All heavy atoms as atom14 arrays in JSON, in Angstrom:
{
  "sequence": "EHFVGNGIYHAATDLEAQGVAGEPVVVLGGANSAGQASLHLARYASHV",
  "atom14_mask": [
    [1, 1, 1, 1, 1, 1, 1, 1, 1, 0, 0, 0, 0, 0],
    [1, 1, 1, 1, 1, 1, 1, 1, 1, 1, 0, 0, 0, 0],
    [1, 1, 1, 1, 1, 1, 1, 1, 1, 1, 1, 0, 0, 0],
    [1, 1, 1, 1, 1, 1, 1, 0, 0, 0, 0, 0, 0, 0],
    [1, 1, 1, 1, 0, 0, 0, 0, 0, 0, 0, 0, 0, 0],
    [1, 1, 1, 1, 1, 1, 1, 1, 0, 0, 0, 0, 0, 0],
    [1, 1, 1, 1, 0, 0, 0, 0, 0, 0, 0, 0, 0, 0],
    [1, 1, 1, 1, 1, 1, 1, 1, 0, 0, 0, 0, 0, 0],
    [1, 1, 1, 1, 1, 1, 1, 1, 1, 1, 1, 1, 0, 0],
    [1, 1, 1, 1, 1, 1, 1, 1, 1, 1, 0, 0, 0, 0],
    [1, 1, 1, 1, 1, 0, 0, 0, 0, 0, 0, 0, 0, 0],
    [1, 1, 1, 1, 1, 0, 0, 0, 0, 0, 0, 0, 0, 0],
    [1, 1, 1, 1, 1, 1, 1, 0, 0, 0, 0, 0, 0, 0],
    [1, 1, 1, 1, 1, 1, 1, 1, 0, 0, 0, 0, 0, 0],
    [1, 1, 1, 1, 1, 1, 1, 1, 0, 0, 0, 0, 0, 0],
    [1, 1, 1, 1, 1, 1, 1, 1, 1, 0, 0, 0, 0, 0],
    [1, 1, 1, 1, 1, 0, 0, 0, 0, 0, 0, 0, 0, 0],
    [1, 1, 1, 1, 1, 1, 1, 1, 1, 0, 0, 0, 0, 0],
    [1, 1, 1, 1, 0, 0, 0, 0, 0, 0, 0, 0, 0, 0],
    [1, 1, 1, 1, 1, 1, 1, 0, 0, 0, 0, 0, 0, 0],
    [1, 1, 1, 1, 1, 0, 0, 0, 0, 0, 0, 0, 0, 0],
    [1, 1, 1, 1, 0, 0, 0, 0, 0, 0, 0, 0, 0, 0],
    [1, 1, 1, 1, 1, 1, 1, 1, 1, 0, 0, 0, 0, 0],
    [1, 1, 1, 1, 1, 1, 1, 0, 0, 0, 0, 0, 0, 0],
    [1, 1, 1, 1, 1, 1, 1, 0, 0, 0, 0, 0, 0, 0],
    [1, 1, 1, 1, 1, 1, 1, 0, 0, 0, 0, 0, 0, 0],
    [1, 1, 1, 1, 1, 1, 1, 0, 0, 0, 0, 0, 0, 0],
    [1, 1, 1, 1, 1, 1, 1, 1, 0, 0, 0, 0, 0, 0],
    [1, 1, 1, 1, 0, 0, 0, 0, 0, 0, 0, 0, 0, 0],
    [1, 1, 1, 1, 0, 0, 0, 0, 0, 0, 0, 0, 0, 0],
    [1, 1, 1, 1, 1, 0, 0, 0, 0, 0, 0, 0, 0, 0],
    [1, 1, 1, 1, 1, 1, 1, 1, 0, 0, 0, 0, 0, 0],
    [1, 1, 1, 1, 1, 1, 0, 0, 0, 0, 0, 0, 0, 0],
    [1, 1, 1, 1, 1, 0, 0, 0, 0, 0, 0, 0, 0, 0],
    [1, 1, 1, 1, 0, 0, 0, 0, 0, 0, 0, 0, 0, 0],
    [1, 1, 1, 1, 1, 1, 1, 1, 1, 0, 0, 0, 0, 0],
    [1, 1, 1, 1, 1, 0, 0, 0, 0, 0, 0, 0, 0, 0],
    [1, 1, 1, 1, 1, 1, 0, 0, 0, 0, 0, 0, 0, 0],
    [1, 1, 1, 1, 1, 1, 1, 1, 0, 0, 0, 0, 0, 0],
    [1, 1, 1, 1, 1, 1, 1, 1, 1, 1, 0, 0, 0, 0],
    [1, 1, 1, 1, 1, 1, 1, 1, 0, 0, 0, 0, 0, 0],
    [1, 1, 1, 1, 1, 0, 0, 0, 0, 0, 0, 0, 0, 0],
    [1, 1, 1, 1, 1, 1, 1, 1, 1, 1, 1, 0, 0, 0],
    [1, 1, 1, 1, 1, 1, 1, 1, 1, 1, 1, 1, 0, 0],
    [1, 1, 1, 1, 1, 0, 0, 0, 0, 0, 0, 0, 0, 0],
    [1, 1, 1, 1, 1, 1, 0, 0, 0, 0, 0, 0, 0, 0],
    [1, 1, 1, 1, 1, 1, 1, 1, 1, 1, 0, 0, 0, 0],
    [1, 1, 1, 1, 1, 1, 1, 0, 0, 0, 0, 0, 0, 0]
  ],
  "atom14_positions": [
    [[111.34, 92.8, 129.28], [109.98, 92.79, 129.92], [110.02, 93.75, 131.17], [109.05, 94.31, 131.57], [109.4, 91.44, 130.31], [109.2, 90.65, 129.02], [108.22, 91.24, 128.1], [107.27, 91.92, 128.67], [108.22, 91.08, 126.9], [0.0, 0.0, 0.0], [0.0, 0.0, 0.0], [0.0, 0.0, 0.0], [0.0, 0.0, 0.0], [0.0, 0.0, 0.0]],
    [[111.2, 93.73, 131.89], [111.31, 94.55, 133.1], [111.21, 95.98, 132.76], [110.53, 96.74, 133.57], [112.67, 94.22, 133.75], [112.99, 95.25, 134.76], [112.61, 95.2, 136.07], [113.84, 96.43, 134.8], [113.0, 96.22, 136.8], [113.75, 97.01, 136.04], [0.0, 0.0, 0.0], [0.0, 0.0, 0.0], [0.0, 0.0, 0.0], [0.0, 0.0, 0.0]],
    [[111.61, 96.47, 131.65], [111.59, 97.81, 131.32], [110.35, 98.25, 130.58], [110.15, 99.5, 130.38], [112.83, 98.27, 130.44], [114.16, 98.23, 131.33], [115.22, 97.47, 130.89], [114.21, 99.12, 132.29], [116.42, 97.49, 131.61], [115.4, 99.13, 133.06], [116.52, 98.33, 132.69], [0.0, 0.0, 0.0], [0.0, 0.0, 0.0], [0.0, 0.0, 0.0]],
    [[109.49, 97.33, 130.23], [108.24, 97.76, 129.47], [107.41, 98.67, 130.51], [107.09, 98.13, 131.6], [107.43, 96.5, 129.04], [106.03, 96.93, 128.56], [108.18, 95.83, 127.87], [0.0, 0.0, 0.0], [0.0, 0.0, 0.0], [0.0, 0.0, 0.0], [0.0, 0.0, 0.0], [0.0, 0.0, 0.0], [0.0, 0.0, 0.0], [0.0, 0.0, 0.0]],
    [[107.07, 99.79, 130.08], [106.34, 100.77, 130.96], [107.32, 101.56, 131.86], [106.89, 102.5, 132.46], [0.0, 0.0, 0.0], [0.0, 0.0, 0.0], [0.0, 0.0, 0.0], [0.0, 0.0, 0.0], [0.0, 0.0, 0.0], [0.0, 0.0, 0.0], [0.0, 0.0, 0.0], [0.0, 0.0, 0.0], [0.0, 0.0, 0.0], [0.0, 0.0, 0.0]],
    [[108.49, 101.07, 131.94], [109.52, 101.79, 132.83], [110.74, 102.22, 131.89], [111.79, 102.33, 132.49], [110.09, 100.84, 133.88], [109.0, 100.42, 134.81], [108.3, 101.2, 135.51], [108.72, 99.05, 134.89], [0.0, 0.0, 0.0], [0.0, 0.0, 0.0], [0.0, 0.0, 0.0], [0.0, 0.0, 0.0], [0.0, 0.0, 0.0], [0.0, 0.0, 0.0]],
    [[110.44, 102.59, 130.73], [111.4, 103.11, 129.8], [111.3, 102.57, 128.45], [111.77, 103.17, 127.47], [0.0, 0.0, 0.0], [0.0, 0.0, 0.0], [0.0, 0.0, 0.0], [0.0, 0.0, 0.0], [0.0, 0.0, 0.0], [0.0, 0.0, 0.0], [0.0, 0.0, 0.0], [0.0, 0.0, 0.0], [0.0, 0.0, 0.0], [0.0, 0.0, 0.0]],
    [[110.53, 101.41, 128.3], [110.21, 100.92, 126.96], [108.72, 101.19, 126.74], [107.87, 100.74, 127.61], [110.57, 99.39, 126.86], [112.13, 99.25, 126.93], [110.0, 98.87, 125.51], [112.49, 97.75, 126.83], [0.0, 0.0, 0.0], [0.0, 0.0, 0.0], [0.0, 0.0, 0.0], [0.0, 0.0, 0.0], [0.0, 0.0, 0.0], [0.0, 0.0, 0.0]],
    [[108.47, 101.75, 125.61], [107.02, 102.1, 125.33], [106.62, 101.68, 123.9], [107.49, 101.6, 122.93], [106.78, 103.61, 125.46], [107.29, 104.18, 126.78], [108.51, 104.86, 126.76], [106.61, 104.03, 127.92], [108.96, 105.4, 127.99], [107.11, 104.45, 129.11], [108.29, 105.18, 129.18], [108.82, 105.67, 130.32], [0.0, 0.0, 0.0], [0.0, 0.0, 0.0]],
    [[105.35, 101.33, 123.73], [104.88, 100.95, 122.36], [103.84, 101.95, 121.93], [103.09, 101.78, 120.98], [104.16, 99.6, 122.51], [105.1, 98.48, 122.87], [105.99, 97.98, 121.96], [105.19, 97.79, 123.99], [106.73, 97.01, 122.61], [106.21, 96.87, 123.8], [0.0, 0.0, 0.0], [0.0, 0.0, 0.0], [0.0, 0.0, 0.0], [0.0, 0.0, 0.0]],
    [[103.92, 103.27, 122.42], [103.19, 104.31, 121.96], [103.95, 105.58, 122.18], [104.84, 105.64, 123.0], [101.78, 104.41, 122.72], [0.0, 0.0, 0.0], [0.0, 0.0, 0.0], [0.0, 0.0, 0.0], [0.0, 0.0, 0.0], [0.0, 0.0, 0.0], [0.0, 0.0, 0.0], [0.0, 0.0, 0.0], [0.0, 0.0, 0.0], [0.0, 0.0, 0.0]],
    [[103.62, 106.66, 121.35], [104.29, 107.86, 121.49], [103.24, 109.04, 121.41], [103.44, 109.97, 120.67], [105.24, 108.06, 120.3], [0.0, 0.0, 0.0], [0.0, 0.0, 0.0], [0.0, 0.0, 0.0], [0.0, 0.0, 0.0], [0.0, 0.0, 0.0], [0.0, 0.0, 0.0], [0.0, 0.0, 0.0], [0.0, 0.0, 0.0], [0.0, 0.0, 0.0]],
    [[102.31, 108.93, 122.26], [101.32, 110.0, 122.41], [101.82, 111.05, 123.39], [102.98, 110.98, 123.86], [99.97, 109.47, 123.04], [100.17, 109.0, 124.37], [99.5, 108.31, 122.15], [0.0, 0.0, 0.0], [0.0, 0.0, 0.0], [0.0, 0.0, 0.0], [0.0, 0.0, 0.0], [0.0, 0.0, 0.0], [0.0, 0.0, 0.0], [0.0, 0.0, 0.0]],
    [[101.13, 112.1, 123.59], [101.53, 113.13, 124.51], [101.91, 112.66, 125.82], [102.77, 113.13, 126.57], [100.51, 114.28, 124.62], [100.42, 115.1, 123.32], [101.33, 115.2, 122.62], [99.3, 115.73, 123.11], [0.0, 0.0, 0.0], [0.0, 0.0, 0.0], [0.0, 0.0, 0.0], [0.0, 0.0, 0.0], [0.0, 0.0, 0.0], [0.0, 0.0, 0.0]],
    [[101.15, 111.68, 126.37], [101.41, 111.11, 127.66], [102.79, 110.56, 127.85], [103.56, 110.89, 128.79], [100.33, 110.05, 127.99], [98.97, 110.42, 128.43], [98.1, 109.17, 128.62], [98.93, 111.35, 129.6], [0.0, 0.0, 0.0], [0.0, 0.0, 0.0], [0.0, 0.0, 0.0], [0.0, 0.0, 0.0], [0.0, 0.0, 0.0], [0.0, 0.0, 0.0]],
    [[103.21, 109.76, 126.85], [104.5, 109.13, 126.94], [105.57, 110.21, 126.66], [106.66, 110.23, 127.22], [104.71, 108.04, 125.9], [103.85, 106.71, 126.14], [102.42, 106.89, 125.73], [102.11, 107.84, 125.08], [101.64, 106.07, 126.04], [0.0, 0.0, 0.0], [0.0, 0.0, 0.0], [0.0, 0.0, 0.0], [0.0, 0.0, 0.0], [0.0, 0.0, 0.0]],
    [[105.31, 111.1, 125.7], [106.33, 112.14, 125.36], [106.54, 113.05, 126.44], [107.72, 113.49, 126.74], [105.81, 112.92, 124.13], [0.0, 0.0, 0.0], [0.0, 0.0, 0.0], [0.0, 0.0, 0.0], [0.0, 0.0, 0.0], [0.0, 0.0, 0.0], [0.0, 0.0, 0.0], [0.0, 0.0, 0.0], [0.0, 0.0, 0.0], [0.0, 0.0, 0.0]],
    [[105.5, 113.4, 127.24], [105.7, 114.33, 128.42], [106.6, 113.7, 129.43], [107.35, 114.39, 130.24], [104.33, 114.75, 128.95], [103.6, 115.66, 128.04], [102.14, 115.71, 128.5], [101.68, 115.2, 129.49], [101.41, 116.4, 127.66], [0.0, 0.0, 0.0], [0.0, 0.0, 0.0], [0.0, 0.0, 0.0], [0.0, 0.0, 0.0], [0.0, 0.0, 0.0]],
    [[106.6, 112.37, 129.47], [107.4, 111.66, 130.58], [108.93, 111.6, 130.23], [109.63, 111.35, 131.1], [0.0, 0.0, 0.0], [0.0, 0.0, 0.0], [0.0, 0.0, 0.0], [0.0, 0.0, 0.0], [0.0, 0.0, 0.0], [0.0, 0.0, 0.0], [0.0, 0.0, 0.0], [0.0, 0.0, 0.0], [0.0, 0.0, 0.0], [0.0, 0.0, 0.0]],
    [[109.24, 111.94, 128.99], [110.69, 111.95, 128.61], [111.06, 113.39, 128.11], [112.13, 113.42, 127.43], [111.02, 110.89, 127.55], [110.73, 109.52, 127.99], [110.11, 111.17, 126.26], [0.0, 0.0, 0.0], [0.0, 0.0, 0.0], [0.0, 0.0, 0.0], [0.0, 0.0, 0.0], [0.0, 0.0, 0.0], [0.0, 0.0, 0.0], [0.0, 0.0, 0.0]],
    [[110.35, 114.4, 128.48], [110.65, 115.75, 127.97], [112.04, 116.13, 128.46], [112.42, 115.91, 129.65], [109.58, 116.69, 128.53], [0.0, 0.0, 0.0], [0.0, 0.0, 0.0], [0.0, 0.0, 0.0], [0.0, 0.0, 0.0], [0.0, 0.0, 0.0], [0.0, 0.0, 0.0], [0.0, 0.0, 0.0], [0.0, 0.0, 0.0], [0.0, 0.0, 0.0]],
    [[112.86, 116.64, 127.52], [114.2, 117.08, 127.83], [115.2, 116.0, 127.94], [116.38, 116.2, 128.36], [0.0, 0.0, 0.0], [0.0, 0.0, 0.0], [0.0, 0.0, 0.0], [0.0, 0.0, 0.0], [0.0, 0.0, 0.0], [0.0, 0.0, 0.0], [0.0, 0.0, 0.0], [0.0, 0.0, 0.0], [0.0, 0.0, 0.0], [0.0, 0.0, 0.0]],
    [[114.79, 114.79, 127.69], [115.74, 113.56, 127.82], [116.05, 113.01, 126.36], [115.22, 113.13, 125.47], [115.07, 112.52, 128.67], [114.76, 112.97, 130.08], [115.9, 113.03, 131.05], [116.99, 112.79, 130.52], [115.67, 113.35, 132.2], [0.0, 0.0, 0.0], [0.0, 0.0, 0.0], [0.0, 0.0, 0.0], [0.0, 0.0, 0.0], [0.0, 0.0, 0.0]],
    [[117.13, 112.24, 126.24], [117.38, 111.58, 125.0], [116.53, 110.3, 124.84], [116.46, 109.52, 125.84], [118.85, 111.27, 125.1], [119.17, 111.07, 126.58], [118.17, 112.13, 127.26], [0.0, 0.0, 0.0], [0.0, 0.0, 0.0], [0.0, 0.0, 0.0], [0.0, 0.0, 0.0], [0.0, 0.0, 0.0], [0.0, 0.0, 0.0], [0.0, 0.0, 0.0]],
    [[115.97, 110.11, 123.65], [115.13, 108.86, 123.44], [115.68, 108.15, 122.17], [116.31, 108.78, 121.35], [113.68, 109.26, 123.34], [113.25, 109.99, 124.68], [113.43, 110.06, 122.12], [0.0, 0.0, 0.0], [0.0, 0.0, 0.0], [0.0, 0.0, 0.0], [0.0, 0.0, 0.0], [0.0, 0.0, 0.0], [0.0, 0.0, 0.0], [0.0, 0.0, 0.0]],
    [[115.17, 106.92, 122.12], [115.44, 106.12, 120.84], [114.13, 105.63, 120.35], [113.27, 105.19, 121.11], [116.35, 104.87, 121.2], [116.46, 104.02, 120.02], [117.78, 105.44, 121.52], [0.0, 0.0, 0.0], [0.0, 0.0, 0.0], [0.0, 0.0, 0.0], [0.0, 0.0, 0.0], [0.0, 0.0, 0.0], [0.0, 0.0, 0.0], [0.0, 0.0, 0.0]],
    [[113.92, 105.68, 119.05], [112.74, 105.06, 118.35], [113.33, 103.88, 117.59], [114.22, 103.91, 116.76], [112.06, 106.09, 117.46], [110.91, 105.41, 116.73], [111.49, 107.23, 118.3], [0.0, 0.0, 0.0], [0.0, 0.0, 0.0], [0.0, 0.0, 0.0], [0.0, 0.0, 0.0], [0.0, 0.0, 0.0], [0.0, 0.0, 0.0], [0.0, 0.0, 0.0]],
    [[112.63, 102.69, 117.69], [113.09, 101.56, 117.09], [112.07, 101.1, 115.99], [110.86, 100.82, 116.39], [113.34, 100.41, 118.08], [113.7, 99.02, 117.56], [115.11, 99.13, 116.94], [113.7, 98.04, 118.66], [0.0, 0.0, 0.0], [0.0, 0.0, 0.0], [0.0, 0.0, 0.0], [0.0, 0.0, 0.0], [0.0, 0.0, 0.0], [0.0, 0.0, 0.0]],
    [[112.39, 101.03, 114.75], [111.52, 100.62, 113.74], [111.74, 101.39, 112.47], [112.29, 102.41, 112.42], [0.0, 0.0, 0.0], [0.0, 0.0, 0.0], [0.0, 0.0, 0.0], [0.0, 0.0, 0.0], [0.0, 0.0, 0.0], [0.0, 0.0, 0.0], [0.0, 0.0, 0.0], [0.0, 0.0, 0.0], [0.0, 0.0, 0.0], [0.0, 0.0, 0.0]],
    [[111.22, 100.82, 111.36], [111.42, 101.37, 110.04], [110.17, 101.68, 109.24], [110.32, 102.16, 108.07], [0.0, 0.0, 0.0], [0.0, 0.0, 0.0], [0.0, 0.0, 0.0], [0.0, 0.0, 0.0], [0.0, 0.0, 0.0], [0.0, 0.0, 0.0], [0.0, 0.0, 0.0], [0.0, 0.0, 0.0], [0.0, 0.0, 0.0], [0.0, 0.0, 0.0]],
    [[108.96, 101.59, 109.79], [107.77, 101.81, 109.14], [107.2, 103.1, 109.51], [107.78, 103.89, 110.33], [106.76, 100.71, 109.35], [0.0, 0.0, 0.0], [0.0, 0.0, 0.0], [0.0, 0.0, 0.0], [0.0, 0.0, 0.0], [0.0, 0.0, 0.0], [0.0, 0.0, 0.0], [0.0, 0.0, 0.0], [0.0, 0.0, 0.0], [0.0, 0.0, 0.0]],
    [[106.03, 103.45, 109.02], [105.39, 104.79, 109.23], [105.12, 105.08, 110.73], [105.33, 106.26, 111.07], [104.01, 104.87, 108.55], [104.2, 105.18, 107.05], [105.33, 105.14, 106.51], [103.11, 105.37, 106.39], [0.0, 0.0, 0.0], [0.0, 0.0, 0.0], [0.0, 0.0, 0.0], [0.0, 0.0, 0.0], [0.0, 0.0, 0.0], [0.0, 0.0, 0.0]],
    [[104.79, 104.12, 111.51], [104.57, 104.4, 112.89], [105.8, 105.0, 113.63], [105.75, 105.79, 114.45], [104.01, 103.14, 113.64], [104.86, 101.98, 113.35], [0.0, 0.0, 0.0], [0.0, 0.0, 0.0], [0.0, 0.0, 0.0], [0.0, 0.0, 0.0], [0.0, 0.0, 0.0], [0.0, 0.0, 0.0], [0.0, 0.0, 0.0], [0.0, 0.0, 0.0]],
    [[106.96, 104.33, 113.32], [108.25, 104.75, 113.87], [108.57, 106.13, 113.37], [109.06, 107.0, 114.09], [109.27, 103.8, 113.52], [0.0, 0.0, 0.0], [0.0, 0.0, 0.0], [0.0, 0.0, 0.0], [0.0, 0.0, 0.0], [0.0, 0.0, 0.0], [0.0, 0.0, 0.0], [0.0, 0.0, 0.0], [0.0, 0.0, 0.0], [0.0, 0.0, 0.0]],
    [[108.23, 106.48, 112.09], [108.49, 107.74, 111.56], [107.69, 108.87, 112.25], [108.25, 109.93, 112.57], [0.0, 0.0, 0.0], [0.0, 0.0, 0.0], [0.0, 0.0, 0.0], [0.0, 0.0, 0.0], [0.0, 0.0, 0.0], [0.0, 0.0, 0.0], [0.0, 0.0, 0.0], [0.0, 0.0, 0.0], [0.0, 0.0, 0.0], [0.0, 0.0, 0.0]],
    [[106.35, 108.55, 112.4], [105.53, 109.56, 113.02], [105.95, 109.8, 114.49], [105.93, 110.93, 114.97], [104.1, 109.04, 113.0], [103.47, 109.07, 111.59], [103.09, 110.52, 111.09], [103.5, 111.47, 111.73], [102.38, 110.63, 110.05], [0.0, 0.0, 0.0], [0.0, 0.0, 0.0], [0.0, 0.0, 0.0], [0.0, 0.0, 0.0], [0.0, 0.0, 0.0]],
    [[106.4, 108.69, 115.13], [106.77, 108.8, 116.5], [108.02, 109.64, 116.64], [108.14, 110.49, 117.56], [107.05, 107.4, 117.11], [0.0, 0.0, 0.0], [0.0, 0.0, 0.0], [0.0, 0.0, 0.0], [0.0, 0.0, 0.0], [0.0, 0.0, 0.0], [0.0, 0.0, 0.0], [0.0, 0.0, 0.0], [0.0, 0.0, 0.0], [0.0, 0.0, 0.0]],
    [[108.94, 109.48, 115.76], [110.21, 110.15, 115.73], [109.97, 111.68, 115.73], [110.48, 112.52, 116.41], [111.09, 109.81, 114.69], [111.5, 108.44, 114.79], [0.0, 0.0, 0.0], [0.0, 0.0, 0.0], [0.0, 0.0, 0.0], [0.0, 0.0, 0.0], [0.0, 0.0, 0.0], [0.0, 0.0, 0.0], [0.0, 0.0, 0.0], [0.0, 0.0, 0.0]],
    [[109.08, 112.06, 114.72], [108.8, 113.51, 114.49], [108.06, 114.12, 115.76], [108.27, 115.22, 116.15], [107.95, 113.68, 113.27], [108.68, 113.4, 111.99], [107.73, 113.23, 110.78], [109.73, 114.5, 111.59], [0.0, 0.0, 0.0], [0.0, 0.0, 0.0], [0.0, 0.0, 0.0], [0.0, 0.0, 0.0], [0.0, 0.0, 0.0], [0.0, 0.0, 0.0]],
    [[107.13, 113.31, 116.26], [106.37, 113.86, 117.41], [107.21, 113.95, 118.67], [107.22, 114.97, 119.37], [105.2, 112.86, 117.72], [104.32, 113.29, 118.87], [103.6, 114.49, 118.79], [104.11, 112.83, 120.06], [102.93, 114.65, 119.88], [103.15, 113.65, 120.71], [0.0, 0.0, 0.0], [0.0, 0.0, 0.0], [0.0, 0.0, 0.0], [0.0, 0.0, 0.0]],
    [[108.12, 112.95, 118.91], [109.0, 112.95, 120.11], [110.03, 114.12, 119.99], [110.48, 114.59, 120.97], [109.65, 111.61, 120.31], [108.67, 110.44, 120.73], [109.4, 109.1, 120.5], [108.23, 110.69, 122.16], [0.0, 0.0, 0.0], [0.0, 0.0, 0.0], [0.0, 0.0, 0.0], [0.0, 0.0, 0.0], [0.0, 0.0, 0.0], [0.0, 0.0, 0.0]],
    [[110.35, 114.5, 118.84], [111.41, 115.49, 118.61], [110.91, 116.83, 119.25], [111.79, 117.69, 119.54], [111.69, 115.71, 117.13], [0.0, 0.0, 0.0], [0.0, 0.0, 0.0], [0.0, 0.0, 0.0], [0.0, 0.0, 0.0], [0.0, 0.0, 0.0], [0.0, 0.0, 0.0], [0.0, 0.0, 0.0], [0.0, 0.0, 0.0], [0.0, 0.0, 0.0]],
    [[109.65, 116.96, 119.35], [109.1, 118.23, 119.98], [109.32, 118.24, 121.49], [109.29, 119.29, 122.09], [107.56, 118.33, 119.66], [107.26, 118.45, 118.18], [105.77, 118.17, 117.91], [104.96, 118.94, 118.85], [103.66, 118.71, 119.09], [103.1, 117.64, 118.47], [102.98, 119.46, 119.86], [0.0, 0.0, 0.0], [0.0, 0.0, 0.0], [0.0, 0.0, 0.0]],
    [[109.63, 117.07, 122.11], [109.64, 116.98, 123.47], [111.12, 116.65, 124.05], [111.67, 117.22, 124.95], [108.73, 115.91, 124.03], [107.25, 116.28, 123.87], [106.58, 116.01, 122.69], [106.56, 116.88, 124.88], [105.21, 116.24, 122.54], [105.15, 117.22, 124.79], [104.54, 116.88, 123.58], [103.23, 117.16, 123.41], [0.0, 0.0, 0.0], [0.0, 0.0, 0.0]],
    [[111.74, 115.63, 123.3], [112.98, 115.07, 123.84], [114.16, 116.01, 123.51], [114.05, 116.87, 122.59], [113.22, 113.7, 123.19], [0.0, 0.0, 0.0], [0.0, 0.0, 0.0], [0.0, 0.0, 0.0], [0.0, 0.0, 0.0], [0.0, 0.0, 0.0], [0.0, 0.0, 0.0], [0.0, 0.0, 0.0], [0.0, 0.0, 0.0], [0.0, 0.0, 0.0]],
    [[115.29, 115.81, 124.23], [116.48, 116.58, 123.86], [117.07, 116.13, 122.55], [117.6, 116.95, 121.89], [117.56, 116.42, 125.07], [117.93, 115.01, 125.14], [0.0, 0.0, 0.0], [0.0, 0.0, 0.0], [0.0, 0.0, 0.0], [0.0, 0.0, 0.0], [0.0, 0.0, 0.0], [0.0, 0.0, 0.0], [0.0, 0.0, 0.0], [0.0, 0.0, 0.0]],
    [[116.88, 114.85, 122.28], [117.24, 114.4, 120.88], [116.67, 113.05, 120.67], [116.44, 112.24, 121.63], [118.79, 114.19, 120.77], [119.32, 114.06, 119.38], [119.36, 115.12, 118.41], [119.69, 112.9, 118.7], [119.82, 114.6, 117.29], [119.97, 113.27, 117.41], [0.0, 0.0, 0.0], [0.0, 0.0, 0.0], [0.0, 0.0, 0.0], [0.0, 0.0, 0.0]],
    [[116.38, 112.69, 119.44], [115.75, 111.4, 118.99], [116.79, 110.69, 118.07], [117.24, 111.26, 117.16], [114.45, 111.68, 118.29], [113.9, 110.36, 117.76], [113.49, 112.34, 119.13], [0.0, 0.0, 0.0], [0.0, 0.0, 0.0], [0.0, 0.0, 0.0], [0.0, 0.0, 0.0], [0.0, 0.0, 0.0], [0.0, 0.0, 0.0], [0.0, 0.0, 0.0]]
  ]
}
């Protein structure tokens, strides 16, 4: 709970993605939302 909003996110829109641009990120989950988030974040992060 401490890290929610401070590194833990439940959305992967441009707003969140821009905040981690050039940084390594982790996507947690195995359904479509996690898959779409992984592909979108790969455009911004150093690695997903």
